[in-house]
């Protein structure tokens, strides 16, 4: 497991977040991603991007696009599941 933080790839700053492994705590994620995980965990059903944005205080289109990217990254790292209808839920 590599630690979360910032790094560089080809001279560009990138976020280094760990691929989720069994028993891994969400505290290894950067604070912004932890807040997103909290919103998804507290939801009573799978959430849409705009719901997460609303809970975190911004419904601007540019923010929605950025949030969509973050949710997709979390799903790619194994922290969330993206459903066929485009909603997100926890992997547990």
N, C-alpha and C. Protein backbone atom coordinates (compact mmCIF):
# COMPACT_ATOMS: atom_id res chain seq x y z
N UNK A 1 0.84 -1.18 0.00
CA UNK A 1 0.00 0.00 0.00
C UNK A 1 0.88 1.23 0.00
N UNK A 2 0.56 2.18 -0.86
CA UNK A 2 1.29 3.44 -0.87
C UNK A 2 0.49 4.49 -0.12
N UNK A 3 1.12 5.43 0.52
CA UNK A 3 0.40 6.44 1.27
C UNK A 3 -0.31 7.43 0.36
N UNK A 4 -1.38 8.01 0.87
CA UNK A 4 -2.08 9.05 0.13
C UNK A 4 -1.26 10.33 0.20
N UNK A 5 -1.41 11.14 -0.78
CA UNK A 5 -0.71 12.41 -0.80
C UNK A 5 -0.55 12.88 -2.22
N UNK A 6 0.29 13.87 -2.41
CA UNK A 6 0.52 14.40 -3.74
C UNK A 6 1.85 13.89 -4.26
N UNK A 7 1.92 13.70 -5.55
CA UNK A 7 3.14 13.28 -6.20
C UNK A 7 3.19 13.91 -7.58
N UNK A 8 4.16 13.51 -8.37
CA UNK A 8 4.25 14.04 -9.72
C UNK A 8 4.44 12.90 -10.71
N UNK A 9 3.78 13.05 -11.83
CA UNK A 9 3.92 12.13 -12.95
C UNK A 9 4.09 13.00 -14.18
N UNK A 10 5.17 12.81 -14.90
CA UNK A 10 5.47 13.60 -16.10
C UNK A 10 5.40 15.10 -15.81
N UNK A 11 5.88 15.49 -14.65
CA UNK A 11 5.92 16.90 -14.30
C UNK A 11 4.61 17.50 -13.84
N UNK A 12 3.55 16.69 -13.76
CA UNK A 12 2.24 17.19 -13.32
C UNK A 12 1.93 16.66 -11.93
N UNK A 13 1.30 17.49 -11.12
CA UNK A 13 0.89 17.06 -9.78
C UNK A 13 -0.26 16.07 -9.90
N UNK A 14 -0.18 14.97 -9.19
CA UNK A 14 -1.24 13.98 -9.18
C UNK A 14 -1.50 13.56 -7.74
N UNK A 15 -2.71 13.09 -7.50
CA UNK A 15 -3.09 12.61 -6.19
C UNK A 15 -2.71 11.14 -6.10
N UNK A 16 -2.03 10.79 -5.05
CA UNK A 16 -1.68 9.41 -4.82
C UNK A 16 -2.61 8.85 -3.76
N UNK A 17 -3.53 8.01 -4.14
CA UNK A 17 -4.46 7.39 -3.19
C UNK A 17 -4.35 5.89 -3.37
N UNK A 18 -4.45 5.16 -2.29
CA UNK A 18 -4.28 3.71 -2.36
C UNK A 18 -5.48 2.98 -2.95
N UNK A 19 -5.20 1.92 -3.67
CA UNK A 19 -6.23 0.99 -4.11
C UNK A 19 -6.77 0.35 -2.84
N UNK A 20 -8.07 0.20 -2.74
CA UNK A 20 -8.66 -0.37 -1.54
C UNK A 20 -8.34 -1.85 -1.42
N UNK A 21 -7.96 -2.24 -0.22
CA UNK A 21 -7.71 -3.63 0.10
C UNK A 21 -8.58 -4.01 1.28
N UNK A 22 -8.83 -5.29 1.44
CA UNK A 22 -9.66 -5.79 2.53
C UNK A 22 -9.15 -5.25 3.87
N UNK A 23 -10.08 -4.73 4.68
CA UNK A 23 -9.74 -4.24 6.00
C UNK A 23 -9.15 -2.84 6.05
N UNK A 24 -8.96 -2.21 4.90
CA UNK A 24 -8.36 -0.88 4.85
C UNK A 24 -9.38 0.17 5.27
N UNK A 25 -8.95 1.10 6.08
CA UNK A 25 -9.80 2.17 6.59
C UNK A 25 -9.75 3.37 5.63
N UNK A 26 -10.86 4.06 5.51
CA UNK A 26 -10.95 5.23 4.64
C UNK A 26 -10.09 6.40 5.10
N UNK A 27 -9.52 6.32 6.27
CA UNK A 27 -8.65 7.40 6.79
C UNK A 27 -7.37 7.54 5.97
N UNK A 28 -7.06 6.57 5.12
CA UNK A 28 -5.87 6.66 4.27
C UNK A 28 -6.11 7.58 3.07
N UNK A 29 -7.37 7.94 2.83
CA UNK A 29 -7.71 8.83 1.72
C UNK A 29 -7.50 10.28 2.13
N UNK A 30 -7.21 11.15 1.18
CA UNK A 30 -7.14 12.59 1.47
C UNK A 30 -8.48 13.09 2.01
N UNK A 31 -8.46 14.17 2.77
CA UNK A 31 -9.64 14.69 3.46
C UNK A 31 -10.85 14.91 2.55
N UNK A 32 -10.65 15.47 1.37
CA UNK A 32 -11.77 15.71 0.46
C UNK A 32 -12.46 14.42 0.03
N UNK A 33 -11.69 13.39 -0.20
CA UNK A 33 -12.26 12.10 -0.57
C UNK A 33 -12.94 11.45 0.63
N UNK A 34 -12.43 11.68 1.83
CA UNK A 34 -13.08 11.16 3.03
C UNK A 34 -14.47 11.77 3.20
N UNK A 35 -14.60 13.09 2.92
CA UNK A 35 -15.91 13.75 3.01
C UNK A 35 -16.89 13.15 1.99
N UNK A 36 -16.41 12.88 0.80
CA UNK A 36 -17.27 12.25 -0.23
C UNK A 36 -17.72 10.88 0.25
N UNK A 37 -16.79 10.10 0.78
CA UNK A 37 -17.13 8.77 1.28
C UNK A 37 -18.17 8.86 2.40
N UNK A 38 -18.05 9.84 3.27
CA UNK A 38 -19.01 10.02 4.36
C UNK A 38 -20.42 10.27 3.81
N UNK A 39 -20.52 11.11 2.79
CA UNK A 39 -21.82 11.41 2.18
C UNK A 39 -22.43 10.13 1.60
N UNK A 40 -21.65 9.36 0.87
CA UNK A 40 -22.17 8.14 0.24
C UNK A 40 -22.56 7.13 1.32
N UNK A 41 -21.75 6.97 2.35
CA UNK A 41 -22.05 6.02 3.43
C UNK A 41 -23.34 6.39 4.17
N UNK A 42 -23.58 7.68 4.37
CA UNK A 42 -24.73 8.12 5.15
C UNK A 42 -26.03 8.10 4.35
N UNK A 43 -25.93 7.97 3.05
CA UNK A 43 -27.13 7.93 2.21
C UNK A 43 -27.88 6.62 2.44
N UNK A 44 -29.20 6.69 2.31
CA UNK A 44 -30.03 5.50 2.52
C UNK A 44 -30.17 4.66 1.27
N UNK A 45 -29.64 5.17 0.16
CA UNK A 45 -29.73 4.48 -1.12
C UNK A 45 -28.55 4.95 -1.97
N UNK A 46 -28.28 4.29 -3.09
CA UNK A 46 -27.23 4.78 -3.98
C UNK A 46 -27.48 6.24 -4.36
N UNK A 47 -26.40 7.00 -4.54
CA UNK A 47 -26.51 8.44 -4.76
C UNK A 47 -26.08 8.84 -6.17
N UNK A 48 -26.67 9.94 -6.62
CA UNK A 48 -26.28 10.55 -7.88
C UNK A 48 -25.24 11.63 -7.58
N UNK A 49 -24.51 12.03 -8.60
CA UNK A 49 -23.47 13.04 -8.44
C UNK A 49 -24.05 14.32 -7.84
N UNK A 50 -25.20 14.77 -8.35
CA UNK A 50 -25.78 16.03 -7.87
C UNK A 50 -26.17 15.94 -6.40
N UNK A 51 -26.51 14.76 -5.90
CA UNK A 51 -26.83 14.61 -4.48
C UNK A 51 -25.59 14.81 -3.62
N UNK A 52 -24.47 14.25 -4.07
CA UNK A 52 -23.23 14.42 -3.33
C UNK A 52 -22.83 15.90 -3.34
N UNK A 53 -22.93 16.53 -4.50
CA UNK A 53 -22.61 17.97 -4.61
C UNK A 53 -23.48 18.78 -3.66
N UNK A 54 -24.77 18.49 -3.63
CA UNK A 54 -25.69 19.23 -2.77
C UNK A 54 -25.32 19.07 -1.30
N UNK A 55 -24.96 17.88 -0.90
CA UNK A 55 -24.58 17.64 0.50
C UNK A 55 -23.29 18.37 0.85
N UNK A 56 -22.41 18.52 -0.12
CA UNK A 56 -21.14 19.19 0.13
C UNK A 56 -21.19 20.69 -0.18
N UNK A 57 -22.37 21.17 -0.59
CA UNK A 57 -22.58 22.61 -0.70
C UNK A 57 -22.37 23.29 -2.04
N UNK A 58 -22.35 22.56 -3.14
CA UNK A 58 -22.19 23.23 -4.43
C UNK A 58 -22.88 22.46 -5.54
N UNK A 59 -23.78 23.14 -6.24
CA UNK A 59 -24.49 22.53 -7.36
C UNK A 59 -24.09 23.14 -8.70
N UNK A 60 -23.00 23.90 -8.73
CA UNK A 60 -22.53 24.51 -9.98
C UNK A 60 -22.12 23.41 -10.97
N UNK A 61 -22.41 23.60 -12.26
CA UNK A 61 -22.05 22.58 -13.26
C UNK A 61 -20.57 22.19 -13.23
N UNK A 62 -19.68 23.15 -13.09
CA UNK A 62 -18.25 22.83 -13.07
C UNK A 62 -17.91 21.95 -11.88
N UNK A 63 -18.55 22.21 -10.76
CA UNK A 63 -18.32 21.40 -9.55
C UNK A 63 -18.88 20.00 -9.74
N UNK A 64 -20.00 19.89 -10.45
CA UNK A 64 -20.59 18.58 -10.70
C UNK A 64 -19.66 17.72 -11.55
N UNK A 65 -19.04 18.32 -12.56
CA UNK A 65 -18.09 17.58 -13.40
C UNK A 65 -16.90 17.10 -12.59
N UNK A 66 -16.38 17.97 -11.73
CA UNK A 66 -15.24 17.60 -10.88
C UNK A 66 -15.64 16.49 -9.91
N UNK A 67 -16.84 16.59 -9.35
CA UNK A 67 -17.32 15.56 -8.41
C UNK A 67 -17.50 14.23 -9.12
N UNK A 68 -18.02 14.28 -10.34
CA UNK A 68 -18.20 13.06 -11.11
C UNK A 68 -16.85 12.36 -11.31
N UNK A 69 -15.83 13.12 -11.61
CA UNK A 69 -14.49 12.56 -11.78
C UNK A 69 -13.99 11.94 -10.48
N UNK A 70 -14.22 12.62 -9.37
CA UNK A 70 -13.76 12.09 -8.07
C UNK A 70 -14.50 10.81 -7.71
N UNK A 71 -15.80 10.77 -7.94
CA UNK A 71 -16.57 9.56 -7.66
C UNK A 71 -16.09 8.40 -8.54
N UNK A 72 -15.83 8.70 -9.81
CA UNK A 72 -15.31 7.65 -10.70
C UNK A 72 -13.94 7.15 -10.24
N UNK A 73 -13.09 8.07 -9.77
CA UNK A 73 -11.78 7.65 -9.25
C UNK A 73 -11.94 6.75 -8.04
N UNK A 74 -12.82 7.14 -7.13
CA UNK A 74 -13.05 6.30 -5.94
C UNK A 74 -13.57 4.92 -6.34
N UNK A 75 -14.41 4.87 -7.36
CA UNK A 75 -14.90 3.57 -7.85
C UNK A 75 -13.75 2.78 -8.48
N UNK A 76 -12.91 3.45 -9.23
CA UNK A 76 -11.77 2.78 -9.86
C UNK A 76 -10.76 2.24 -8.85
N UNK A 77 -10.63 2.93 -7.73
CA UNK A 77 -9.71 2.49 -6.67
C UNK A 77 -10.34 1.44 -5.77
N UNK A 78 -11.64 1.13 -5.99
CA UNK A 78 -12.30 0.10 -5.20
C UNK A 78 -12.99 0.60 -3.94
N UNK A 79 -13.06 1.90 -3.74
CA UNK A 79 -13.70 2.45 -2.54
C UNK A 79 -15.21 2.57 -2.69
N UNK A 80 -15.69 2.78 -3.92
CA UNK A 80 -17.11 2.87 -4.21
C UNK A 80 -17.44 1.90 -5.34
N UNK A 81 -18.73 1.69 -5.53
CA UNK A 81 -19.22 0.92 -6.67
C UNK A 81 -20.07 1.84 -7.52
N UNK A 82 -19.84 1.83 -8.83
CA UNK A 82 -20.69 2.59 -9.75
C UNK A 82 -21.69 1.63 -10.36
N UNK A 83 -22.95 1.94 -10.18
CA UNK A 83 -24.02 1.09 -10.69
C UNK A 83 -24.33 1.40 -12.15
N UNK A 84 -25.05 0.51 -12.79
CA UNK A 84 -25.37 0.67 -14.21
C UNK A 84 -26.15 1.95 -14.50
N UNK A 85 -26.91 2.43 -13.52
CA UNK A 85 -27.69 3.65 -13.73
C UNK A 85 -26.88 4.93 -13.44
N UNK A 86 -25.58 4.77 -13.15
CA UNK A 86 -24.72 5.92 -12.93
C UNK A 86 -24.66 6.38 -11.48
N UNK A 87 -25.39 5.74 -10.60
CA UNK A 87 -25.36 6.08 -9.18
C UNK A 87 -24.19 5.38 -8.51
N UNK A 88 -23.83 5.88 -7.33
CA UNK A 88 -22.69 5.34 -6.59
C UNK A 88 -23.14 4.85 -5.22
N UNK A 89 -22.48 3.80 -4.76
CA UNK A 89 -22.75 3.24 -3.44
C UNK A 89 -21.44 2.72 -2.85
N UNK A 90 -21.47 2.43 -1.57
CA UNK A 90 -20.26 1.87 -0.95
C UNK A 90 -20.07 0.44 -1.44
N UNK A 91 -18.87 -0.05 -1.32
CA UNK A 91 -18.58 -1.40 -1.81
C UNK A 91 -19.01 -2.47 -0.83
N UNK A 92 -19.30 -2.08 0.39
CA UNK A 92 -19.71 -3.06 1.41
C UNK A 92 -21.19 -3.28 1.43
